[in-house]
Amino acid sequence: METSDHKDKISASELANLWTQYINDSLARCMFLYFLNHVKDKDIIQVLQYALELTERHLQKVEVFLAKEGYPTPKGFTDEDVTVEAPPLFTDTYIIVYLHIMAVHGLTRYAGAIGNVVREDQRKYFKGVISETLELHDMATKVLTEKGIISKPPSLNNHQNVEFIKKQDFIKGWLGKRRPISAVEISGIYLNLQKTLTKTVLELGFSQVAKSKEVRKFMERSRDLCNKHFKMLSSMLIEENLHIPRTFETEVTDSIISPFSDKLMMFHISTLLSSAIGYYGEAMSMCQRKDLSVDFAKMIAEIGLLAEDGMNI
C-alpha cells in the first residue's frame, strides 16, 4: 500500500470547531474582563481569573491553527464591545452562577467538537480544552456549594427493587393514573431549569441597558418566553412534590449604563437560545412519559422561532 507524507488538510468540521470557539471565547473574554473589574469576592475572583486565562490562551492557539492553514482570523468581539468601567450590572452571586453554567455549555460544545475531529493536533488540542474546562467547572461548583448558592437537584428516598417495564402504562401521561417521574427525567428537567433561570437574569440585565429599542424588545420577549418555560419545567417537578432551583432576578442591579455593545448582547442571547434547543432535545430523548415529551417538543418549537428572530436582528 502506498504511503504519503503530505500533511492532511484541516477538515470542514475541524475548521467549524475552531471558528466557533474563537467567536465564543472572544465574547467570553469581554464578559470576564468586565466582571473582574467589579467582583469583590476573592474566591470568585480566582475562578474568573482562571476563566479569563483559558479564553485568552484558546484565542491565541486558534489564531495559530488558522494561520498555518491559510485561513483568516475570525472577526470576533473586541475591546470595542465592552466598557469595563461601566457600573456593575450583576452581583458577585450571579457572576459565579453564570460561570458555572457557561462551563457546562463549554463542556457540551467541546465534547461535540472532539467527536468529529481526525487530525492528531486537533484531537490533542480539544482533549486539553475539555480538561481545562472541567477544572473551571469544578472550581465554580466548589465556590457555589461552599457559599450555599447552588440548589442541588432533588433526592429520591425510596429504595425499590429492580423491575422491568412490562406495560404500556409506563409511557402514558394524560389519561388514567400516571407513574411517578423517573430519576432520568428529573435530571434533564432540572438542568434545563438551571440553564433557563441563568439566561433569564442575563436577559433582564441586557434589556435594562440595551441602546437599541429593537434589542430591548427582543430581550424582553426572550425573557417572557424563558419565564414561561421555567414555569412549565417547574410544574413537572412541583407536581411530584420535588423542589426547584432558586432564582436570581434580584442579583441584577439598577444600572442603566450598558457595559456591552448591542451586537455582543444579541449574539450572546441568540446563541444561548440555539443551545437551549439542543438541551431540550436531549431532555426530551430521556423522557418516557408522553406528556413530558410533548411539553419539550412545544418548547423547542417556541424557542426555535425566537432564535430565528434573534439571528435576523
C-alpha atoms as a PDB file:
ATOM      1  CA  MET A   1       0.000   0.000   0.000  1.00  0.00           C
ATOM      2  CA  GLU A   2       1.321   3.400  -0.959  1.00  0.00           C
ATOM      3  CA  THR A   3       2.010   5.886   1.785  1.00  0.00           C
ATOM      4  CA  SER A   4       2.059   9.647   1.632  1.00  0.00           C
ATOM      5  CA  ASP A   5       3.928  12.086   3.802  1.00  0.00           C
ATOM      6  CA  HIS A   6       1.825  15.097   2.884  1.00  0.00           C
ATOM      7  CA  LYS A   7       0.122  16.972   5.708  1.00  0.00           C
ATOM      8  CA  ASP A   8      -3.604  16.393   5.967  1.00  0.00           C
ATOM      9  CA  LYS A   9      -5.684  19.460   5.313  1.00  0.00           C
ATOM     10  CA  ILE A  10      -7.925  20.609   8.101  1.00  0.00           C
ATOM     11  CA  SER A  11     -11.460  19.300   7.603  1.00  0.00           C
ATOM     12  CA  ALA A  12     -14.624  21.386   7.433  1.00  0.00           C
ATOM     13  CA  SER A  13     -15.681  20.014  10.836  1.00  0.00           C
ATOM     14  CA  GLU A  14     -12.358  20.915  12.402  1.00  0.00           C
ATOM     15  CA  LEU A  15     -12.479  24.381  10.864  1.00  0.00           C
ATOM     16  CA  ALA A  16     -16.015  24.880  12.218  1.00  0.00           C
ATOM     17  CA  ASN A  17     -14.888  23.844  15.700  1.00  0.00           C
ATOM     18  CA  LEU A  18     -12.022  26.342  15.733  1.00  0.00           C
ATOM     19  CA  TRP A  19     -14.011  29.178  14.187  1.00  0.00           C
ATOM     20  CA  THR A  20     -16.928  28.744  16.605  1.00  0.00           C
ATOM     21  CA  GLN A  21     -14.632  28.518  19.612  1.00  0.00           C
ATOM     22  CA  TYR A  22     -12.830  31.695  18.613  1.00  0.00           C
ATOM     23  CA  ILE A  23     -16.054  33.717  18.352  1.00  0.00           C
ATOM     24  CA  ASN A  24     -17.430  32.361  21.635  1.00  0.00           C
ATOM     25  CA  ASP A  25     -14.177  32.839  23.528  1.00  0.00           C
ATOM     26  CA  SER A  26     -13.824  36.395  22.235  1.00  0.00           C
ATOM     27  CA  LEU A  27     -17.275  37.097  23.698  1.00  0.00           C
ATOM     28  CA  ALA A  28     -16.399  35.354  26.962  1.00  0.00           C
ATOM     29  CA  ARG A  29     -13.215  37.438  27.249  1.00  0.00           C
ATOM     30  CA  CYS A  30     -15.290  40.653  27.132  1.00  0.00           C
ATOM     31  CA  MET A  31     -17.663  39.334  29.795  1.00  0.00           C
ATOM     32  CA  PHE A  32     -14.844  38.216  32.101  1.00  0.00           C
ATOM     33  CA  LEU A  33     -12.858  41.455  31.769  1.00  0.00           C
ATOM     34  CA  TYR A  34     -15.933  43.433  32.786  1.00  0.00           C
ATOM     35  CA  PHE A  35     -16.787  41.108  35.681  1.00  0.00           C
ATOM     36  CA  LEU A  36     -13.223  41.215  37.015  1.00  0.00           C
ATOM     37  CA  ASN A  37     -13.360  44.996  37.188  1.00  0.00           C
ATOM     38  CA  HIS A  38     -16.224  44.826  39.702  1.00  0.00           C
ATOM     39  CA  VAL A  39     -16.291  41.498  41.560  1.00  0.00           C
ATOM     40  CA  LYS A  40     -15.319  41.727  45.235  1.00  0.00           C
ATOM     41  CA  ASP A  41     -15.387  38.124  46.457  1.00  0.00           C
ATOM     42  CA  LYS A  42     -11.835  36.725  46.466  1.00  0.00           C
ATOM     43  CA  ASP A  43     -12.968  33.156  45.723  1.00  0.00           C
ATOM     44  CA  ILE A  44     -14.984  34.273  42.712  1.00  0.00           C
ATOM     45  CA  ILE A  45     -12.096  36.454  41.504  1.00  0.00           C
ATOM     46  CA  GLN A  46      -9.890  33.356  41.444  1.00  0.00           C
ATOM     47  CA  VAL A  47     -12.374  31.459  39.275  1.00  0.00           C
ATOM     48  CA  LEU A  48     -12.813  34.451  36.968  1.00  0.00           C
ATOM     49  CA  GLN A  49      -9.070  34.901  36.517  1.00  0.00           C
ATOM     50  CA  TYR A  50      -8.703  31.241  35.558  1.00  0.00           C
ATOM     51  CA  ALA A  51     -11.608  31.541  33.107  1.00  0.00           C
ATOM     52  CA  LEU A  52     -10.037  34.619  31.518  1.00  0.00           C
ATOM     53  CA  GLU A  53      -6.662  32.876  31.199  1.00  0.00           C
ATOM     54  CA  LEU A  54      -8.352  29.986  29.387  1.00  0.00           C
ATOM     55  CA  THR A  55     -10.158  32.214  26.897  1.00  0.00           C
ATOM     56  CA  GLU A  56      -7.017  34.199  26.052  1.00  0.00           C
ATOM     57  CA  ARG A  57      -4.965  31.027  25.667  1.00  0.00           C
ATOM     58  CA  HIS A  58      -7.600  29.482  23.410  1.00  0.00           C
ATOM     59  CA  LEU A  59      -7.808  32.600  21.242  1.00  0.00           C
ATOM     60  CA  GLN A  60      -4.052  32.591  20.695  1.00  0.00           C
ATOM     61  CA  LYS A  61      -3.978  28.872  19.921  1.00  0.00           C
ATOM     62  CA  VAL A  62      -6.825  29.074  17.402  1.00  0.00           C
ATOM     63  CA  GLU A  63      -5.161  32.004  15.653  1.00  0.00           C
ATOM     64  CA  VAL A  64      -2.036  29.877  15.192  1.00  0.00           C
ATOM     65  CA  PHE A  65      -4.020  26.894  13.872  1.00  0.00           C
ATOM     66  CA  LEU A  66      -5.900  29.009  11.334  1.00  0.00           C
ATOM     67  CA  ALA A  67      -2.812  30.926  10.207  1.00  0.00           C
ATOM     68  CA  LYS A  68      -0.951  27.686   9.477  1.00  0.00           C
ATOM     69  CA  GLU A  69      -3.869  26.556   7.315  1.00  0.00           C
ATOM     70  CA  GLY A  70      -4.042  29.851   5.444  1.00  0.00           C
ATOM     71  CA  TYR A  71      -7.359  30.934   6.970  1.00  0.00           C
ATOM     72  CA  PRO A  72      -8.009  34.457   8.288  1.00  0.00           C
ATOM     73  CA  THR A  73      -8.589  35.193  11.946  1.00  0.00           C
ATOM     74  CA  PRO A  74     -12.351  35.468  12.626  1.00  0.00           C
ATOM     75  CA  LYS A  75     -13.750  38.913  13.395  1.00  0.00           C
ATOM     76  CA  GLY A  76     -14.808  38.226  16.949  1.00  0.00           C
ATOM     77  CA  PHE A  77     -15.670  40.555  19.805  1.00  0.00           C
ATOM     78  CA  THR A  78     -13.032  43.040  20.900  1.00  0.00           C
ATOM     79  CA  ASP A  79     -12.402  45.748  23.485  1.00  0.00           C
ATOM     80  CA  GLU A  80     -14.749  47.927  21.416  1.00  0.00           C
ATOM     81  CA  ASP A  81     -17.642  45.694  22.529  1.00  0.00           C
ATOM     82  CA  VAL A  82     -17.091  46.125  26.261  1.00  0.00           C
ATOM     83  CA  THR A  83     -16.791  49.068  28.637  1.00  0.00           C
ATOM     84  CA  VAL A  84     -15.168  47.609  31.732  1.00  0.00           C
ATOM     85  CA  GLU A  85     -15.590  50.885  33.634  1.00  0.00           C
ATOM     86  CA  ALA A  86     -19.390  50.765  33.304  1.00  0.00           C
ATOM     87  CA  PRO A  87     -21.176  50.332  36.663  1.00  0.00           C
ATOM     88  CA  PRO A  88     -21.822  46.740  37.815  1.00  0.00           C
ATOM     89  CA  LEU A  89     -24.901  45.208  36.232  1.00  0.00           C
ATOM     90  CA  PHE A  90     -24.815  41.911  38.146  1.00  0.00           C
ATOM     91  CA  THR A  91     -23.819  40.904  41.670  1.00  0.00           C
ATOM     92  CA  ASP A  92     -20.984  38.558  42.599  1.00  0.00           C
ATOM     93  CA  THR A  93     -23.545  35.829  43.277  1.00  0.00           C
ATOM     94  CA  TYR A  94     -24.875  35.874  39.740  1.00  0.00           C
ATOM     95  CA  ILE A  95     -21.376  36.049  38.252  1.00  0.00           C
ATOM     96  CA  ILE A  96     -20.371  32.693  39.784  1.00  0.00           C
ATOM     97  CA  VAL A  97     -23.702  31.167  38.719  1.00  0.00           C
ATOM     98  CA  TYR A  98     -23.040  32.442  35.187  1.00  0.00           C
ATOM     99  CA  LEU A  99     -19.531  30.972  35.180  1.00  0.00           C
ATOM    100  CA  HIS A 100     -20.866  27.597  36.265  1.00  0.00           C
ATOM    101  CA  ILE A 101     -23.484  27.417  33.506  1.00  0.00           C
ATOM    102  CA  MET A 102     -21.081  28.694  30.848  1.00  0.00           C
ATOM    103  CA  ALA A 103     -18.663  25.924  31.859  1.00  0.00           C
ATOM    104  CA  VAL A 104     -21.497  23.428  31.302  1.00  0.00           C
ATOM    105  CA  HIS A 105     -22.072  24.934  27.844  1.00  0.00           C
ATOM    106  CA  GLY A 106     -18.373  24.709  27.079  1.00  0.00           C
ATOM    107  CA  LEU A 107     -18.131  21.063  28.084  1.00  0.00           C
ATOM    108  CA  THR A 108     -21.091  20.235  25.842  1.00  0.00           C
ATOM    109  CA  ARG A 109     -19.606  22.063  22.851  1.00  0.00           C
ATOM    110  CA  TYR A 110     -16.124  20.623  23.273  1.00  0.00           C
ATOM    111  CA  ALA A 111     -17.409  17.079  23.699  1.00  0.00           C
ATOM    112  CA  GLY A 112     -19.294  17.511  20.427  1.00  0.00           C
ATOM    113  CA  ALA A 113     -16.212  19.003  18.787  1.00  0.00           C
ATOM    114  CA  ILE A 114     -13.904  16.138  19.697  1.00  0.00           C
ATOM    115  CA  GLY A 115     -16.398  13.705  18.228  1.00  0.00           C
ATOM    116  CA  ASN A 116     -15.743  14.958  14.700  1.00  0.00           C
ATOM    117  CA  VAL A 117     -12.012  15.669  14.665  1.00  0.00           C
ATOM    118  CA  VAL A 118      -9.494  13.368  12.995  1.00  0.00           C
ATOM    119  CA  ARG A 119      -6.183  15.181  12.899  1.00  0.00           C
ATOM    120  CA  GLU A 120      -3.899  14.376  15.807  1.00  0.00           C
ATOM    121  CA  ASP A 121      -3.132  18.004  16.655  1.00  0.00           C
ATOM    122  CA  GLN A 122      -6.852  18.781  16.819  1.00  0.00           C
ATOM    123  CA  ARG A 123      -7.600  15.747  18.963  1.00  0.00           C
ATOM    124  CA  LYS A 124      -4.828  16.714  21.370  1.00  0.00           C
ATOM    125  CA  TYR A 125      -5.965  20.333  21.480  1.00  0.00           C
ATOM    126  CA  PHE A 126      -9.613  19.621  22.306  1.00  0.00           C
ATOM    127  CA  LYS A 127      -8.664  16.957  24.853  1.00  0.00           C
ATOM    128  CA  GLY A 128      -6.718  19.686  26.614  1.00  0.00           C
ATOM    129  CA  VAL A 129      -9.571  22.178  26.290  1.00  0.00           C
ATOM    130  CA  ILE A 130     -12.008  19.693  27.831  1.00  0.00           C
ATOM    131  CA  SER A 131      -9.617  19.058  30.721  1.00  0.00           C
ATOM    132  CA  GLU A 132      -9.241  22.810  31.344  1.00  0.00           C
ATOM    133  CA  THR A 133     -12.991  23.405  31.203  1.00  0.00           C
ATOM    134  CA  LEU A 134     -13.598  20.533  33.612  1.00  0.00           C
ATOM    135  CA  GLU A 135     -11.257  22.281  36.050  1.00  0.00           C
ATOM    136  CA  LEU A 136     -13.183  25.533  35.593  1.00  0.00           C
ATOM    137  CA  HIS A 137     -16.472  23.730  36.195  1.00  0.00           C
ATOM    138  CA  ASP A 138     -15.055  22.109  39.313  1.00  0.00           C
ATOM    139  CA  MET A 139     -13.774  25.433  40.664  1.00  0.00           C
ATOM    140  CA  ALA A 140     -17.106  27.178  40.064  1.00  0.00           C
ATOM    141  CA  THR A 141     -19.099  24.307  41.582  1.00  0.00           C
ATOM    142  CA  LYS A 142     -16.894  24.290  44.669  1.00  0.00           C
ATOM    143  CA  VAL A 143     -17.496  28.007  45.270  1.00  0.00           C
ATOM    144  CA  LEU A 144     -21.236  27.621  44.684  1.00  0.00           C
ATOM    145  CA  THR A 145     -21.542  24.764  47.159  1.00  0.00           C
ATOM    146  CA  GLU A 146     -19.286  26.258  49.826  1.00  0.00           C
ATOM    147  CA  LYS A 147     -21.203  29.543  49.769  1.00  0.00           C
ATOM    148  CA  GLY A 148     -24.597  27.810  49.698  1.00  0.00           C
ATOM    149  CA  ILE A 149     -25.590  29.440  46.406  1.00  0.00           C
ATOM    150  CA  ILE A 150     -26.345  26.432  44.243  1.00  0.00           C
ATOM    151  CA  SER A 151     -29.551  24.441  44.627  1.00  0.00           C
ATOM    152  CA  LYS A 152     -28.807  20.742  44.478  1.00  0.00           C
ATOM    153  CA  PRO A 153     -31.089  18.514  42.376  1.00  0.00           C
ATOM    154  CA  PRO A 154     -33.824  16.575  44.239  1.00  0.00           C
ATOM    155  CA  SER A 155     -33.007  13.323  46.022  1.00  0.00           C
ATOM    156  CA  LEU A 156     -35.136  10.176  45.948  1.00  0.00           C
ATOM    157  CA  ASN A 157     -35.761   8.473  49.268  1.00  0.00           C
ATOM    158  CA  ASN A 158     -37.448   5.321  48.039  1.00  0.00           C
ATOM    159  CA  HIS A 159     -35.206   2.275  47.569  1.00  0.00           C
ATOM    160  CA  GLN A 160     -37.171  -0.115  45.396  1.00  0.00           C
ATOM    161  CA  ASN A 161     -36.284  -3.363  43.693  1.00  0.00           C
ATOM    162  CA  VAL A 162     -35.102  -3.676  40.109  1.00  0.00           C
ATOM    163  CA  GLU A 163     -38.103  -4.039  37.805  1.00  0.00           C
ATOM    164  CA  PHE A 164     -38.586  -4.342  34.052  1.00  0.00           C
ATOM    165  CA  ILE A 165     -41.121  -2.381  32.034  1.00  0.00           C
ATOM    166  CA  LYS A 166     -43.928  -4.711  31.029  1.00  0.00           C
ATOM    167  CA  LYS A 167     -46.943  -2.454  30.499  1.00  0.00           C
ATOM    168  CA  GLN A 168     -47.793   0.377  28.136  1.00  0.00           C
ATOM    169  CA  ASP A 169     -48.881   2.408  31.156  1.00  0.00           C
ATOM    170  CA  PHE A 170     -45.227   3.355  31.731  1.00  0.00           C
ATOM    171  CA  ILE A 171     -45.275   5.875  28.881  1.00  0.00           C
ATOM    172  CA  LYS A 172     -48.789   7.262  29.466  1.00  0.00           C
ATOM    173  CA  GLY A 173     -49.085  10.828  30.628  1.00  0.00           C
ATOM    174  CA  TRP A 174     -52.603  12.165  30.032  1.00  0.00           C
ATOM    175  CA  LEU A 175     -55.370   9.692  30.817  1.00  0.00           C
ATOM    176  CA  GLY A 176     -55.570   7.469  33.852  1.00  0.00           C
ATOM    177  CA  LYS A 177     -53.034   7.218  36.650  1.00  0.00           C
ATOM    178  CA  ARG A 178     -49.597   8.497  35.724  1.00  0.00           C
ATOM    179  CA  ARG A 179     -46.467   6.869  37.028  1.00  0.00           C
ATOM    180  CA  PRO A 180     -44.082   8.990  39.136  1.00  0.00           C
ATOM    181  CA  ILE A 181     -41.412  10.919  37.271  1.00  0.00           C
ATOM    182  CA  SER A 182     -38.180   8.954  36.851  1.00  0.00           C
ATOM    183  CA  ALA A 183     -34.685   9.943  38.024  1.00  0.00           C
ATOM    184  CA  VAL A 184     -33.536  10.213  34.402  1.00  0.00           C
ATOM    185  CA  GLU A 185     -36.384  12.611  33.615  1.00  0.00           C
ATOM    186  CA  ILE A 186     -35.659  14.671  36.740  1.00  0.00           C
ATOM    187  CA  SER A 187     -32.041  15.058  35.618  1.00  0.00           C
ATOM    188  CA  GLY A 188     -32.946  16.579  32.251  1.00  0.00           C
ATOM    189  CA  ILE A 189     -35.655  18.817  33.686  1.00  0.00           C
ATOM    190  CA  TYR A 190     -33.501  20.177  36.495  1.00  0.00           C
ATOM    191  CA  LEU A 191     -30.531  21.014  34.264  1.00  0.00           C
ATOM    192  CA  ASN A 192     -32.809  22.913  31.900  1.00  0.00           C
ATOM    193  CA  LEU A 193     -34.318  24.778  34.847  1.00  0.00           C
ATOM    194  CA  GLN A 194     -30.864  25.904  35.964  1.00  0.00           C
ATOM    195  CA  LYS A 195     -29.904  26.985  32.446  1.00  0.00           C
ATOM    196  CA  THR A 196     -33.196  28.798  31.870  1.00  0.00           C
ATOM    197  CA  LEU A 197     -33.071  30.806  35.083  1.00  0.00           C
ATOM    198  CA  THR A 198     -29.470  31.831  34.358  1.00  0.00           C
ATOM    199  CA  LYS A 199     -30.411  33.083  30.895  1.00  0.00           C
ATOM    200  CA  THR A 200     -33.490  34.879  32.237  1.00  0.00           C
ATOM    201  CA  VAL A 201     -31.327  37.019  34.535  1.00  0.00           C
ATOM    202  CA  LEU A 202     -28.953  37.807  31.677  1.00  0.00           C
ATOM    203  CA  GLU A 203     -31.901  38.920  29.522  1.00  0.00           C
ATOM    204  CA  LEU A 204     -33.235  41.086  32.357  1.00  0.00           C
ATOM    205  CA  GLY A 205     -29.917  42.864  32.692  1.00  0.00           C
ATOM    206  CA  PHE A 206     -29.441  43.257  28.947  1.00  0.00           C
ATOM    207  CA  SER A 207     -32.958  44.641  28.439  1.00  0.00           C
ATOM    208  CA  GLN A 208     -32.153  47.242  31.080  1.00  0.00           C
ATOM    209  CA  VAL A 209     -29.078  48.638  29.327  1.00  0.00           C
ATOM    210  CA  ALA A 210     -29.512  47.957  25.581  1.00  0.00           C
ATOM    211  CA  LYS A 211     -29.283  51.105  23.466  1.00  0.00           C
ATOM    212  CA  SER A 212     -31.480  49.902  20.594  1.00  0.00           C
ATOM    213  CA  LYS A 213     -35.240  49.806  21.143  1.00  0.00           C
ATOM    214  CA  GLU A 214     -35.395  46.718  18.909  1.00  0.00           C
ATOM    215  CA  VAL A 215     -32.813  44.923  21.032  1.00  0.00           C
ATOM    216  CA  ARG A 216     -34.600  45.861  24.267  1.00  0.00           C
ATOM    217  CA  LYS A 217     -37.872  44.483  22.917  1.00  0.00           C
ATOM    218  CA  PHE A 218     -36.183  41.257  21.874  1.00  0.00           C
ATOM    219  CA  MET A 219     -34.610  40.816  25.308  1.00  0.00           C
ATOM    220  CA  GLU A 220     -37.988  41.370  26.974  1.00  0.00           C
ATOM    221  CA  ARG A 221     -39.673  38.926  24.612  1.00  0.00           C
ATOM    222  CA  SER A 222     -36.965  36.340  25.177  1.00  0.00           C
ATOM    223  CA  ARG A 223     -37.237  36.777  28.942  1.00  0.00           C
ATOM    224  CA  ASP A 224     -41.015  36.346  28.801  1.00  0.00           C
ATOM    225  CA  LEU A 225     -40.604  33.061  26.920  1.00  0.00           C
ATOM    226  CA  CYS A 226     -37.930  31.877  29.355  1.00  0.00           C
ATOM    227  CA  ASN A 227     -40.238  32.636  32.274  1.00  0.00           C
ATOM    228  CA  LYS A 228     -42.980  30.661  30.558  1.00  0.00           C
ATOM    229  CA  HIS A 229     -40.663  27.693  30.051  1.00  0.00           C
ATOM    230  CA  PHE A 230     -39.384  27.959  33.619  1.00  0.00           C
ATOM    231  CA  LYS A 231     -42.970  27.608  34.860  1.00  0.00           C
ATOM    232  CA  MET A 232     -43.579  24.616  32.567  1.00  0.00           C
ATOM    233  CA  LEU A 233     -40.406  22.872  33.721  1.00  0.00           C
ATOM    234  CA  SER A 234     -41.079  23.739  37.365  1.00  0.00           C
ATOM    235  CA  SER A 235     -44.575  22.259  37.224  1.00  0.00           C
ATOM    236  CA  MET A 236     -43.102  18.909  36.144  1.00  0.00           C
ATOM    237  CA  LEU A 237     -41.252  18.703  39.464  1.00  0.00           C
ATOM    238  CA  ILE A 238     -43.713  20.502  41.751  1.00  0.00           C
ATOM    239  CA  GLU A 239     -46.470  18.060  40.772  1.00  0.00           C
ATOM    240  CA  GLU A 240     -44.207  15.324  42.116  1.00  0.00           C
ATOM    241  CA  ASN A 241     -43.529  17.255  45.363  1.00  0.00           C
ATOM    242  CA  LEU A 242     -39.940  17.905  44.278  1.00  0.00           C
ATOM    243  CA  HIS A 243     -38.132  21.209  44.765  1.00  0.00           C
ATOM    244  CA  ILE A 244     -36.966  23.570  42.027  1.00  0.00           C
ATOM    245  CA  PRO A 245     -33.739  25.652  41.947  1.00  0.00           C
ATOM    246  CA  ARG A 246     -33.654  29.156  43.422  1.00  0.00           C
ATOM    247  CA  THR A 247     -33.908  32.093  41.060  1.00  0.00           C
ATOM    248  CA  PHE A 248     -31.556  35.069  40.759  1.00  0.00           C
ATOM    249  CA  GLU A 249     -33.545  38.012  39.346  1.00  0.00           C
ATOM    250  CA  THR A 250     -32.650  40.034  42.449  1.00  0.00           C
ATOM    251  CA  GLU A 251     -28.962  39.782  41.502  1.00  0.00           C
ATOM    252  CA  VAL A 252     -29.413  42.436  38.773  1.00  0.00           C
ATOM    253  CA  THR A 253     -28.502  45.987  39.830  1.00  0.00           C
ATOM    254  CA  ASP A 254     -30.363  49.170  38.862  1.00  0.00           C
ATOM    255  CA  SER A 255     -27.664  50.313  36.415  1.00  0.00           C
ATOM    256  CA  ILE A 256     -28.876  51.572  33.029  1.00  0.00           C
ATOM    257  CA  ILE A 257     -25.402  52.147  31.573  1.00  0.00           C
ATOM    258  CA  SER A 258     -24.512  49.420  29.104  1.00  0.00           C
ATOM    259  CA  PRO A 259     -21.196  47.615  29.597  1.00  0.00           C
ATOM    260  CA  PHE A 260     -21.597  45.715  26.318  1.00  0.00           C
ATOM    261  CA  SER A 261     -22.387  46.514  22.706  1.00  0.00           C
ATOM    262  CA  ASP A 262     -25.859  45.624  21.471  1.00  0.00           C
ATOM    263  CA  LYS A 263     -24.136  43.330  18.971  1.00  0.00           C
ATOM    264  CA  LEU A 264     -22.500  41.319  21.747  1.00  0.00           C
ATOM    265  CA  MET A 265     -25.676  41.059  23.792  1.00  0.00           C
ATOM    266  CA  MET A 266     -27.758  39.962  20.813  1.00  0.00           C
ATOM    267  CA  PHE A 267     -25.215  37.350  19.787  1.00  0.00           C
ATOM    268  CA  HIS A 268     -24.939  36.031  23.341  1.00  0.00           C
ATOM    269  CA  ILE A 269     -28.667  35.537  23.842  1.00  0.00           C
ATOM    270  CA  SER A 270     -29.254  34.199  20.321  1.00  0.00           C
ATOM    271  CA  THR A 271     -26.582  31.529  20.732  1.00  0.00           C
ATOM    272  CA  LEU A 272     -27.921  30.572  24.165  1.00  0.00           C
ATOM    273  CA  LEU A 273     -31.393  30.204  22.663  1.00  0.00           C
ATOM    274  CA  SER A 274     -29.999  27.963  19.926  1.00  0.00           C
ATOM    275  CA  SER A 275     -28.130  25.901  22.518  1.00  0.00           C
ATOM    276  CA  ALA A 276     -31.340  25.528  24.526  1.00  0.00           C
ATOM    277  CA  ILE A 277     -32.897  23.668  21.591  1.00  0.00           C
ATOM    278  CA  GLY A 278     -30.194  21.020  21.923  1.00  0.00           C
ATOM    279  CA  TYR A 279     -30.569  20.748  25.698  1.00  0.00           C
ATOM    280  CA  TYR A 280     -34.362  20.486  25.390  1.00  0.00           C
ATOM    281  CA  GLY A 281     -33.933  17.823  22.720  1.00  0.00           C
ATOM    282  CA  GLU A 282     -31.612  15.790  24.921  1.00  0.00           C
ATOM    283  CA  ALA A 283     -34.025  16.020  27.857  1.00  0.00           C
ATOM    284  CA  MET A 284     -36.920  15.027  25.596  1.00  0.00           C
ATOM    285  CA  SER A 285     -34.985  11.971  24.395  1.00  0.00           C
ATOM    286  CA  MET A 286     -34.742  10.823  28.008  1.00  0.00           C
ATOM    287  CA  CYS A 287     -38.455  11.300  28.733  1.00  0.00           C
ATOM    288  CA  GLN A 288     -40.578   8.163  28.539  1.00  0.00           C
ATOM    289  CA  ARG A 289     -43.812   9.795  29.667  1.00  0.00           C
ATOM    290  CA  LYS A 290     -45.693  11.161  26.661  1.00  0.00           C
ATOM    291  CA  ASP A 291     -46.919  14.336  28.370  1.00  0.00           C
ATOM    292  CA  LEU A 292     -43.371  15.385  29.246  1.00  0.00           C
ATOM    293  CA  SER A 293     -42.117  14.704  25.717  1.00  0.00           C
ATOM    294  CA  VAL A 294     -44.908  16.806  24.226  1.00  0.00           C
ATOM    295  CA  ASP A 295     -44.066  19.730  26.538  1.00  0.00           C
ATOM    296  CA  PHE A 296     -40.416  19.623  25.481  1.00  0.00           C
ATOM    297  CA  ALA A 297     -41.394  19.467  21.803  1.00  0.00           C
ATOM    298  CA  LYS A 298     -43.575  22.550  22.273  1.00  0.00           C
ATOM    299  CA  MET A 299     -40.759  24.437  23.998  1.00  0.00           C
ATOM    300  CA  ILE A 300     -38.324  23.516  21.217  1.00  0.00           C
ATOM    301  CA  ALA A 301     -40.698  24.913  18.587  1.00  0.00           C
ATOM    302  CA  GLU A 302     -41.240  28.161  20.512  1.00  0.00           C
ATOM    303  CA  ILE A 303     -37.601  28.798  21.224  1.00  0.00           C
ATOM    304  CA  GLY A 304     -36.654  27.938  17.631  1.00  0.00           C
ATOM    305  CA  LEU A 305     -38.890  30.714  16.297  1.00  0.00           C
ATOM    306  CA  LEU A 306     -37.487  33.189  18.807  1.00  0.00           C
ATOM    307  CA  ALA A 307     -33.886  32.229  17.993  1.00  0.00           C
ATOM    308  CA  GLU A 308     -34.568  32.810  14.294  1.00  0.00           C
ATOM    309  CA  ASP A 309     -35.896  36.297  15.032  1.00  0.00           C
ATOM    310  CA  GLY A 310     -32.797  36.977  17.089  1.00  0.00           C
ATOM    311  CA  MET A 311     -30.490  35.947  14.262  1.00  0.00           C
ATOM    312  CA  ASN A 312     -32.399  38.209  11.880  1.00  0.00           C
ATOM    313  CA  ILE A 313     -31.813  41.190  14.154  1.00  0.00           C
END
